[in-house]
Amino acid sequence: MNEVDALDLVRTAIWTILVGSAPAIVPAMVVGIGIALMQALTQVQEVTLTFIPKIVAILVMIVVAGPFIGGQIHSLTTLIYSRIETGF
């Protein structure tokens, strides 16, 4: 294994983390912005109001996107194991 192989594995792992976490992060951002807008419009400044909708949105998206996230992790694992098997 040389530096190019190591950097390629790290790049692939970071990309997998970004793609795998996006289904949970994007709805949390959208719900957070929507609730912040509603709080600004109604002048209700309750700090705990954002937690429950964000948690629900994240859980729903993880359930919906679970096979996609699992597929991403599976493809990374397959890539790493195939490189170990072939000796890089």
PDB file of N, CA and C in Angstrom:
ATOM      1  N   MET A   1       0.850  -1.180   0.000  1.00  0.00           N
ATOM      2  CA  MET A   1       0.000   0.000   0.000  1.00  0.00           C
ATOM      3  C   MET A   1       0.892   1.238   0.000  1.00  0.00           C
ATOM      4  N   ASN A   2       0.633   2.099  -0.938  1.00  0.00           N
ATOM      5  CA  ASN A   2       1.407   3.341  -1.002  1.00  0.00           C
ATOM      6  C   ASN A   2       0.506   4.526  -0.641  1.00  0.00           C
ATOM      7  N   GLU A   3       1.042   5.710  -0.788  1.00  0.00           N
ATOM      8  CA  GLU A   3       0.313   6.907  -0.384  1.00  0.00           C
ATOM      9  C   GLU A   3      -0.930   7.146  -1.236  1.00  0.00           C
ATOM     10  N   VAL A   4      -0.844   6.808  -2.497  1.00  0.00           N
ATOM     11  CA  VAL A   4      -1.982   7.020  -3.401  1.00  0.00           C
ATOM     12  C   VAL A   4      -3.158   6.133  -2.997  1.00  0.00           C
ATOM     13  N   ASP A   5      -2.873   4.878  -2.656  1.00  0.00           N
ATOM     14  CA  ASP A   5      -3.933   3.977  -2.220  1.00  0.00           C
ATOM     15  C   ASP A   5      -4.555   4.448  -0.908  1.00  0.00           C
ATOM     16  N   ALA A   6      -3.719   4.875   0.024  1.00  0.00           N
ATOM     17  CA  ALA A   6      -4.225   5.354   1.306  1.00  0.00           C
ATOM     18  C   ALA A   6      -5.092   6.597   1.123  1.00  0.00           C
ATOM     19  N   LEU A   7      -4.649   7.523   0.299  1.00  0.00           N
ATOM     20  CA  LEU A   7      -5.430   8.737   0.062  1.00  0.00           C
ATOM     21  C   LEU A   7      -6.742   8.426  -0.657  1.00  0.00           C
ATOM     22  N   ASP A   8      -6.702   7.455  -1.550  1.00  0.00           N
ATOM     23  CA  ASP A   8      -7.926   7.067  -2.245  1.00  0.00           C
ATOM     24  C   ASP A   8      -8.930   6.456  -1.274  1.00  0.00           C
ATOM     25  N   LEU A   9      -8.464   5.614  -0.364  1.00  0.00           N
ATOM     26  CA  LEU A   9      -9.366   5.032   0.633  1.00  0.00           C
ATOM     27  C   LEU A   9      -9.928   6.090   1.572  1.00  0.00           C
ATOM     28  N   VAL A  10      -9.092   7.027   1.984  1.00  0.00           N
ATOM     29  CA  VAL A  10      -9.567   8.094   2.872  1.00  0.00           C
ATOM     30  C   VAL A  10     -10.570   8.982   2.146  1.00  0.00           C
ATOM     31  N   ARG A  11     -10.286   9.310   0.892  1.00  0.00           N
ATOM     32  CA  ARG A  11     -11.214  10.132   0.109  1.00  0.00           C
ATOM     33  C   ARG A  11     -12.557   9.428  -0.055  1.00  0.00           C
ATOM     34  N   THR A  12     -12.517   8.131  -0.349  1.00  0.00           N
ATOM     35  CA  THR A  12     -13.747   7.365  -0.508  1.00  0.00           C
ATOM     36  C   THR A  12     -14.511   7.268   0.808  1.00  0.00           C
ATOM     37  N   ALA A  13     -13.800   7.099   1.917  1.00  0.00           N
ATOM     38  CA  ALA A  13     -14.454   7.020   3.220  1.00  0.00           C
ATOM     39  C   ALA A  13     -15.113   8.347   3.588  1.00  0.00           C
ATOM     40  N   ILE A  14     -14.435   9.445   3.337  1.00  0.00           N
ATOM     41  CA  ILE A  14     -15.014  10.758   3.649  1.00  0.00           C
ATOM     42  C   ILE A  14     -16.232  11.020   2.771  1.00  0.00           C
ATOM     43  N   TRP A  15     -16.149  10.670   1.500  1.00  0.00           N
ATOM     44  CA  TRP A  15     -17.298  10.855   0.612  1.00  0.00           C
ATOM     45  C   TRP A  15     -18.476  10.001   1.067  1.00  0.00           C
ATOM     46  N   THR A  16     -18.218   8.778   1.513  1.00  0.00           N
ATOM     47  CA  THR A  16     -19.280   7.901   2.004  1.00  0.00           C
ATOM     48  C   THR A  16     -19.922   8.489   3.253  1.00  0.00           C
ATOM     49  N   ILE A  17     -19.121   9.064   4.132  1.00  0.00           N
ATOM     50  CA  ILE A  17     -19.664   9.697   5.330  1.00  0.00           C
ATOM     51  C   ILE A  17     -20.556  10.877   4.955  1.00  0.00           C
ATOM     52  N   LEU A  18     -20.104  11.690   4.012  1.00  0.00           N
ATOM     53  CA  LEU A  18     -20.908  12.847   3.597  1.00  0.00           C
ATOM     54  C   LEU A  18     -22.222  12.421   2.951  1.00  0.00           C
ATOM     55  N   VAL A  19     -22.151  11.450   2.050  1.00  0.00           N
ATOM     56  CA  VAL A  19     -23.353  10.997   1.350  1.00  0.00           C
ATOM     57  C   VAL A  19     -24.277  10.244   2.304  1.00  0.00           C
ATOM     58  N   GLY A  20     -23.706   9.480   3.220  1.00  0.00           N
ATOM     59  CA  GLY A  20     -24.525   8.717   4.159  1.00  0.00           C
ATOM     60  C   GLY A  20     -25.190   9.568   5.216  1.00  0.00           C
ATOM     61  N   SER A  21     -24.566  10.667   5.589  1.00  0.00           N
ATOM     62  CA  SER A  21     -25.161  11.523   6.619  1.00  0.00           C
ATOM     63  C   SER A  21     -26.089  12.592   6.054  1.00  0.00           C
ATOM     64  N   ALA A  22     -26.034  12.823   4.765  1.00  0.00           N
ATOM     65  CA  ALA A  22     -26.871  13.868   4.149  1.00  0.00           C
ATOM     66  C   ALA A  22     -28.369  13.640   4.336  1.00  0.00           C
ATOM     67  N   PRO A  23     -28.885  12.399   4.237  1.00  0.00           N
ATOM     68  CA  PRO A  23     -30.325  12.234   4.453  1.00  0.00           C
ATOM     69  C   PRO A  23     -30.794  12.623   5.851  1.00  0.00           C
ATOM     70  N   ALA A  24     -29.934  12.646   6.825  1.00  0.00           N
ATOM     71  CA  ALA A  24     -30.330  13.071   8.165  1.00  0.00           C
ATOM     72  C   ALA A  24     -30.082  14.563   8.379  1.00  0.00           C
ATOM     73  N   ILE A  25     -29.058  15.102   7.760  1.00  0.00           N
ATOM     74  CA  ILE A  25     -28.692  16.501   7.997  1.00  0.00           C
ATOM     75  C   ILE A  25     -29.599  17.464   7.244  1.00  0.00           C
ATOM     76  N   VAL A  26     -29.930  17.132   6.009  1.00  0.00           N
ATOM     77  CA  VAL A  26     -30.734  18.049   5.189  1.00  0.00           C
ATOM     78  C   VAL A  26     -32.127  18.294   5.789  1.00  0.00           C
ATOM     79  N   PRO A  27     -32.879  17.258   6.194  1.00  0.00           N
ATOM     80  CA  PRO A  27     -34.183  17.553   6.804  1.00  0.00           C
ATOM     81  C   PRO A  27     -34.062  18.317   8.123  1.00  0.00           C
ATOM     82  N   ALA A  28     -33.015  18.048   8.895  1.00  0.00           N
ATOM     83  CA  ALA A  28     -32.831  18.796  10.141  1.00  0.00           C
ATOM     84  C   ALA A  28     -32.605  20.277   9.856  1.00  0.00           C
ATOM     85  N   MET A  29     -31.843  20.562   8.817  1.00  0.00           N
ATOM     86  CA  MET A  29     -31.617  21.962   8.447  1.00  0.00           C
ATOM     87  C   MET A  29     -32.898  22.620   7.960  1.00  0.00           C
ATOM     88  N   VAL A  30     -33.641  21.914   7.122  1.00  0.00           N
ATOM     89  CA  VAL A  30     -34.868  22.488   6.565  1.00  0.00           C
ATOM     90  C   VAL A  30     -35.893  22.731   7.670  1.00  0.00           C
ATOM     91  N   VAL A  31     -36.064  21.758   8.555  1.00  0.00           N
ATOM     92  CA  VAL A  31     -37.018  21.923   9.653  1.00  0.00           C
ATOM     93  C   VAL A  31     -36.553  23.033  10.596  1.00  0.00           C
ATOM     94  N   GLY A  32     -35.268  23.090  10.874  1.00  0.00           N
ATOM     95  CA  GLY A  32     -34.749  24.138  11.748  1.00  0.00           C
ATOM     96  C   GLY A  32     -34.957  25.533  11.175  1.00  0.00           C
ATOM     97  N   ILE A  33     -34.726  25.682   9.886  1.00  0.00           N
ATOM     98  CA  ILE A  33     -34.944  26.985   9.250  1.00  0.00           C
ATOM     99  C   ILE A  33     -36.432  27.339   9.236  1.00  0.00           C
ATOM    100  N   GLY A  34     -37.272  26.351   8.958  1.00  0.00           N
ATOM    101  CA  GLY A  34     -38.716  26.598   8.963  1.00  0.00           C
ATOM    102  C   GLY A  34     -39.226  27.006  10.333  1.00  0.00           C
ATOM    103  N   ILE A  35     -38.778  26.327  11.370  1.00  0.00           N
ATOM    104  CA  ILE A  35     -39.216  26.673  12.723  1.00  0.00           C
ATOM    105  C   ILE A  35     -38.650  28.022  13.147  1.00  0.00           C
ATOM    106  N   ALA A  36     -37.404  28.307  12.767  1.00  0.00           N
ATOM    107  CA  ALA A  36     -36.826  29.619  13.087  1.00  0.00           C
ATOM    108  C   ALA A  36     -37.607  30.734  12.403  1.00  0.00           C
ATOM    109  N   LEU A  37     -38.033  30.489  11.173  1.00  0.00           N
ATOM    110  CA  LEU A  37     -38.848  31.478  10.472  1.00  0.00           C
ATOM    111  C   LEU A  37     -40.189  31.681  11.174  1.00  0.00           C
ATOM    112  N   MET A  38     -40.819  30.582  11.583  1.00  0.00           N
ATOM    113  CA  MET A  38     -42.098  30.694  12.299  1.00  0.00           C
ATOM    114  C   MET A  38     -41.915  31.415  13.637  1.00  0.00           C
ATOM    115  N   GLN A  39     -40.818  31.130  14.328  1.00  0.00           N
ATOM    116  CA  GLN A  39     -40.561  31.822  15.594  1.00  0.00           C
ATOM    117  C   GLN A  39     -40.326  33.312  15.375  1.00  0.00           C
ATOM    118  N   ALA A  40     -39.652  33.641  14.286  1.00  0.00           N
ATOM    119  CA  ALA A  40     -39.409  35.055  14.004  1.00  0.00           C
ATOM    120  C   ALA A  40     -40.699  35.780  13.627  1.00  0.00           C
ATOM    121  N   LEU A  41     -41.569  35.078  12.882  1.00  0.00           N
ATOM    122  CA  LEU A  41     -42.820  35.706  12.463  1.00  0.00           C
ATOM    123  C   LEU A  41     -43.798  35.864  13.618  1.00  0.00           C
ATOM    124  N   THR A  42     -43.841  34.893  14.520  1.00  0.00           N
ATOM    125  CA  THR A  42     -44.802  34.935  15.626  1.00  0.00           C
ATOM    126  C   THR A  42     -44.191  35.506  16.902  1.00  0.00           C
ATOM    127  N   GLN A  43     -42.907  35.761  16.923  1.00  0.00           N
ATOM    128  CA  GLN A  43     -42.171  36.281  18.073  1.00  0.00           C
ATOM    129  C   GLN A  43     -42.269  35.373  19.291  1.00  0.00           C
ATOM    130  N   VAL A  44     -42.391  34.072  19.045  1.00  0.00           N
ATOM    131  CA  VAL A  44     -42.349  33.090  20.119  1.00  0.00           C
ATOM    132  C   VAL A  44     -40.906  32.594  20.179  1.00  0.00           C
ATOM    133  N   GLN A  45     -40.199  32.917  21.219  1.00  0.00           N
ATOM    134  CA  GLN A  45     -38.784  32.573  21.323  1.00  0.00           C
ATOM    135  C   GLN A  45     -38.575  31.445  22.320  1.00  0.00           C
ATOM    136  N   GLU A  46     -39.175  30.321  22.048  1.00  0.00           N
ATOM    137  CA  GLU A  46     -39.008  29.134  22.893  1.00  0.00           C
ATOM    138  C   GLU A  46     -37.865  28.290  22.343  1.00  0.00           C
ATOM    139  N   VAL A  47     -36.856  28.046  23.158  1.00  0.00           N
ATOM    140  CA  VAL A  47     -35.660  27.345  22.704  1.00  0.00           C
ATOM    141  C   VAL A  47     -35.943  25.867  22.455  1.00  0.00           C
ATOM    142  N   THR A  48     -36.770  25.259  23.274  1.00  0.00           N
ATOM    143  CA  THR A  48     -37.013  23.815  23.166  1.00  0.00           C
ATOM    144  C   THR A  48     -37.997  23.451  22.064  1.00  0.00           C
ATOM    145  N   LEU A  49     -38.579  24.427  21.407  1.00  0.00           N
ATOM    146  CA  LEU A  49     -39.582  24.164  20.372  1.00  0.00           C
ATOM    147  C   LEU A  49     -39.000  23.463  19.153  1.00  0.00           C
ATOM    148  N   THR A  50     -37.735  23.626  18.885  1.00  0.00           N
ATOM    149  CA  THR A  50     -37.149  23.058  17.670  1.00  0.00           C
ATOM    150  C   THR A  50     -36.735  21.601  17.814  1.00  0.00           C
ATOM    151  N   PHE A  51     -36.570  21.097  19.021  1.00  0.00           N
ATOM    152  CA  PHE A  51     -36.007  19.762  19.199  1.00  0.00           C
ATOM    153  C   PHE A  51     -36.905  18.638  18.695  1.00  0.00           C
ATOM    154  N   ILE A  52     -38.154  18.621  19.088  1.00  0.00           N
ATOM    155  CA  ILE A  52     -39.047  17.511  18.735  1.00  0.00           C
ATOM    156  C   ILE A  52     -39.275  17.419  17.229  1.00  0.00           C
ATOM    157  N   PRO A  53     -39.596  18.509  16.522  1.00  0.00           N
ATOM    158  CA  PRO A  53     -39.763  18.377  15.064  1.00  0.00           C
ATOM    159  C   PRO A  53     -38.489  17.932  14.350  1.00  0.00           C
ATOM    160  N   LYS A  54     -37.329  18.397  14.816  1.00  0.00           N
ATOM    161  CA  LYS A  54     -36.079  17.962  14.195  1.00  0.00           C
ATOM    162  C   LYS A  54     -35.842  16.474  14.418  1.00  0.00           C
ATOM    163  N   ILE A  55     -36.075  16.014  15.635  1.00  0.00           N
ATOM    164  CA  ILE A  55     -35.878  14.592  15.934  1.00  0.00           C
ATOM    165  C   ILE A  55     -36.814  13.737  15.105  1.00  0.00           C
ATOM    166  N   VAL A  56     -38.063  14.147  14.988  1.00  0.00           N
ATOM    167  CA  VAL A  56     -39.028  13.387  14.188  1.00  0.00           C
ATOM    168  C   VAL A  56     -38.619  13.378  12.720  1.00  0.00           C
ATOM    169  N   ALA A  57     -38.209  14.515  12.198  1.00  0.00           N
ATOM    170  CA  ALA A  57     -37.791  14.584  10.791  1.00  0.00           C
ATOM    171  C   ALA A  57     -36.573  13.711  10.535  1.00  0.00           C
ATOM    172  N   ILE A  58     -35.614  13.736  11.446  1.00  0.00           N
ATOM    173  CA  ILE A  58     -34.413  12.912  11.283  1.00  0.00           C
ATOM    174  C   ILE A  58     -34.760  11.434  11.339  1.00  0.00           C
ATOM    175  N   LEU A  59     -35.589  11.030  12.289  1.00  0.00           N
ATOM    176  CA  LEU A  59     -35.959   9.617  12.392  1.00  0.00           C
ATOM    177  C   LEU A  59     -36.729   9.135  11.170  1.00  0.00           C
ATOM    178  N   VAL A  60     -37.641   9.969  10.675  1.00  0.00           N
ATOM    179  CA  VAL A  60     -38.398   9.578   9.479  1.00  0.00           C
ATOM    180  C   VAL A  60     -37.471   9.430   8.280  1.00  0.00           C
ATOM    181  N   MET A  61     -36.553  10.346   8.117  1.00  0.00           N
ATOM    182  CA  MET A  61     -35.640  10.260   6.975  1.00  0.00           C
ATOM    183  C   MET A  61     -34.672   9.089   7.096  1.00  0.00           C
ATOM    184  N   ILE A  62     -34.262   8.760   8.316  1.00  0.00           N
ATOM    185  CA  ILE A  62     -33.388   7.598   8.482  1.00  0.00           C
ATOM    186  C   ILE A  62     -34.144   6.318   8.147  1.00  0.00           C
ATOM    187  N   VAL A  63     -35.410   6.248   8.528  1.00  0.00           N
ATOM    188  CA  VAL A  63     -36.209   5.067   8.182  1.00  0.00           C
ATOM    189  C   VAL A  63     -36.400   4.983   6.671  1.00  0.00           C
ATOM    190  N   VAL A  64     -36.680   6.114   6.029  1.00  0.00           N
ATOM    191  CA  VAL A  64     -36.906   6.122   4.582  1.00  0.00           C
ATOM    192  C   VAL A  64     -35.608   5.867   3.818  1.00  0.00           C
ATOM    193  N   ALA A  65     -34.516   6.495   4.247  1.00  0.00           N
ATOM    194  CA  ALA A  65     -33.255   6.397   3.514  1.00  0.00           C
ATOM    195  C   ALA A  65     -32.328   5.322   4.070  1.00  0.00           C
ATOM    196  N   GLY A  66     -32.807   4.497   4.963  1.00  0.00           N
ATOM    197  CA  GLY A  66     -31.980   3.452   5.553  1.00  0.00           C
ATOM    198  C   GLY A  66     -31.336   2.518   4.542  1.00  0.00           C
ATOM    199  N   PRO A  67     -32.095   2.005   3.564  1.00  0.00           N
ATOM    200  CA  PRO A  67     -31.454   1.147   2.565  1.00  0.00           C
ATOM    201  C   PRO A  67     -30.375   1.858   1.753  1.00  0.00           C
ATOM    202  N   PHE A  68     -30.578   3.126   1.453  1.00  0.00           N
ATOM    203  CA  PHE A  68     -29.568   3.885   0.725  1.00  0.00           C
ATOM    204  C   PHE A  68     -28.299   4.040   1.558  1.00  0.00           C
ATOM    205  N   ILE A  69     -28.448   4.391   2.826  1.00  0.00           N
ATOM    206  CA  ILE A  69     -27.291   4.555   3.713  1.00  0.00           C
ATOM    207  C   ILE A  69     -26.574   3.221   3.884  1.00  0.00           C
ATOM    208  N   GLY A  70     -27.345   2.152   4.071  1.00  0.00           N
ATOM    209  CA  GLY A  70     -26.753   0.828   4.187  1.00  0.00           C
ATOM    210  C   GLY A  70     -26.019   0.417   2.927  1.00  0.00           C
ATOM    211  N   GLY A  71     -26.567   0.768   1.769  1.00  0.00           N
ATOM    212  CA  GLY A  71     -25.907   0.467   0.506  1.00  0.00           C
ATOM    213  C   GLY A  71     -24.585   1.198   0.354  1.00  0.00           C
ATOM    214  N   GLN A  72     -24.542   2.444   0.804  1.00  0.00           N
ATOM    215  CA  GLN A  72     -23.296   3.208   0.748  1.00  0.00           C
ATOM    216  C   GLN A  72     -22.226   2.581   1.643  1.00  0.00           C
ATOM    217  N   ILE A  73     -22.622   2.211   2.845  1.00  0.00           N
ATOM    218  CA  ILE A  73     -21.668   1.582   3.765  1.00  0.00           C
ATOM    219  C   ILE A  73     -21.233   0.226   3.237  1.00  0.00           C
ATOM    220  N   HIS A  74     -22.173  -0.512   2.649  1.00  0.00           N
ATOM    221  CA  HIS A  74     -21.835  -1.819   2.086  1.00  0.00           C
ATOM    222  C   HIS A  74     -20.848  -1.686   0.937  1.00  0.00           C
ATOM    223  N   SER A  75     -21.041  -0.704   0.069  1.00  0.00           N
ATOM    224  CA  SER A  75     -20.120  -0.542  -1.058  1.00  0.00           C
ATOM    225  C   SER A  75     -18.728  -0.137  -0.580  1.00  0.00           C
ATOM    226  N   LEU A  76     -18.635   0.709   0.453  1.00  0.00           N
ATOM    227  CA  LEU A  76     -17.332   1.062   1.008  1.00  0.00           C
ATOM    228  C   LEU A  76     -16.663  -0.159   1.632  1.00  0.00           C
ATOM    229  N   THR A  77     -17.427  -0.934   2.367  1.00  0.00           N
ATOM    230  CA  THR A  77     -16.872  -2.132   2.992  1.00  0.00           C
ATOM    231  C   THR A  77     -16.403  -3.129   1.942  1.00  0.00           C
ATOM    232  N   THR A  78     -17.184  -3.309   0.892  1.00  0.00           N
ATOM    233  CA  THR A  78     -16.791  -4.212  -0.188  1.00  0.00           C
ATOM    234  C   THR A  78     -15.507  -3.730  -0.864  1.00  0.00           C
ATOM    235  N   LEU A  79     -15.400  -2.426  -1.092  1.00  0.00           N
ATOM    236  CA  LEU A  79     -14.192  -1.866  -1.694  1.00  0.00           C
ATOM    237  C   LEU A  79     -12.967  -2.111  -0.820  1.00  0.00           C
ATOM    238  N   ILE A  80     -13.100  -1.863   0.471  1.00  0.00           N
ATOM    239  CA  ILE A  80     -11.968  -2.044   1.377  1.00  0.00           C
ATOM    240  C   ILE A  80     -11.573  -3.506   1.464  1.00  0.00           C
ATOM    241  N   TYR A  81     -12.563  -4.404   1.592  1.00  0.00           N
ATOM    242  CA  TYR A  81     -12.236  -5.827   1.685  1.00  0.00           C
ATOM    243  C   TYR A  81     -11.643  -6.358   0.381  1.00  0.00           C
ATOM    244  N   SER A  82     -12.115  -5.844  -0.753  1.00  0.00           N
ATOM    245  CA  SER A  82     -11.530  -6.320  -2.020  1.00  0.00           C
ATOM    246  C   SER A  82     -10.092  -5.835  -2.163  1.00  0.00           C
ATOM    247  N   ARG A  83      -9.794  -4.655  -1.679  1.00  0.00           N
ATOM    248  CA  ARG A  83      -8.404  -4.173  -1.721  1.00  0.00           C
ATOM    249  C   ARG A  83      -7.516  -4.957  -0.765  1.00  0.00           C
ATOM    250  N   ILE A  84      -8.053  -5.318   0.383  1.00  0.00           N
ATOM    251  CA  ILE A  84      -7.266  -6.150   1.314  1.00  0.00           C
ATOM    252  C   ILE A  84      -7.027  -7.522   0.696  1.00  0.00           C
ATOM    253  N   GLU A  85      -8.041  -8.073   0.050  1.00  0.00           N
ATOM    254  CA  GLU A  85      -7.938  -9.394  -0.545  1.00  0.00           C
ATOM    255  C   GLU A  85      -6.908  -9.435  -1.674  1.00  0.00           C
ATOM    256  N   THR A  86      -6.885  -8.391  -2.485  1.00  0.00           N
ATOM    257  CA  THR A  86      -5.953  -8.375  -3.620  1.00  0.00           C
ATOM    258  C   THR A  86      -4.586  -7.812  -3.249  1.00  0.00           C
ATOM    259  N   GLY A  87      -4.416  -7.383  -2.023  1.00  0.00           N
ATOM    260  CA  GLY A  87      -3.135  -6.838  -1.611  1.00  0.00           C
ATOM    261  C   GLY A  87      -2.903  -5.417  -2.073  1.00  0.00           C
ATOM    262  N   PHE A  88      -3.957  -4.687  -2.274  1.00  0.00           N
ATOM    263  CA  PHE A  88      -3.919  -3.298  -2.750  1.00  0.00           C
ATOM    264  C   PHE A  88      -3.341  -3.307  -4.109  1.00  0.00           C
TER     265      PHE A  88
END
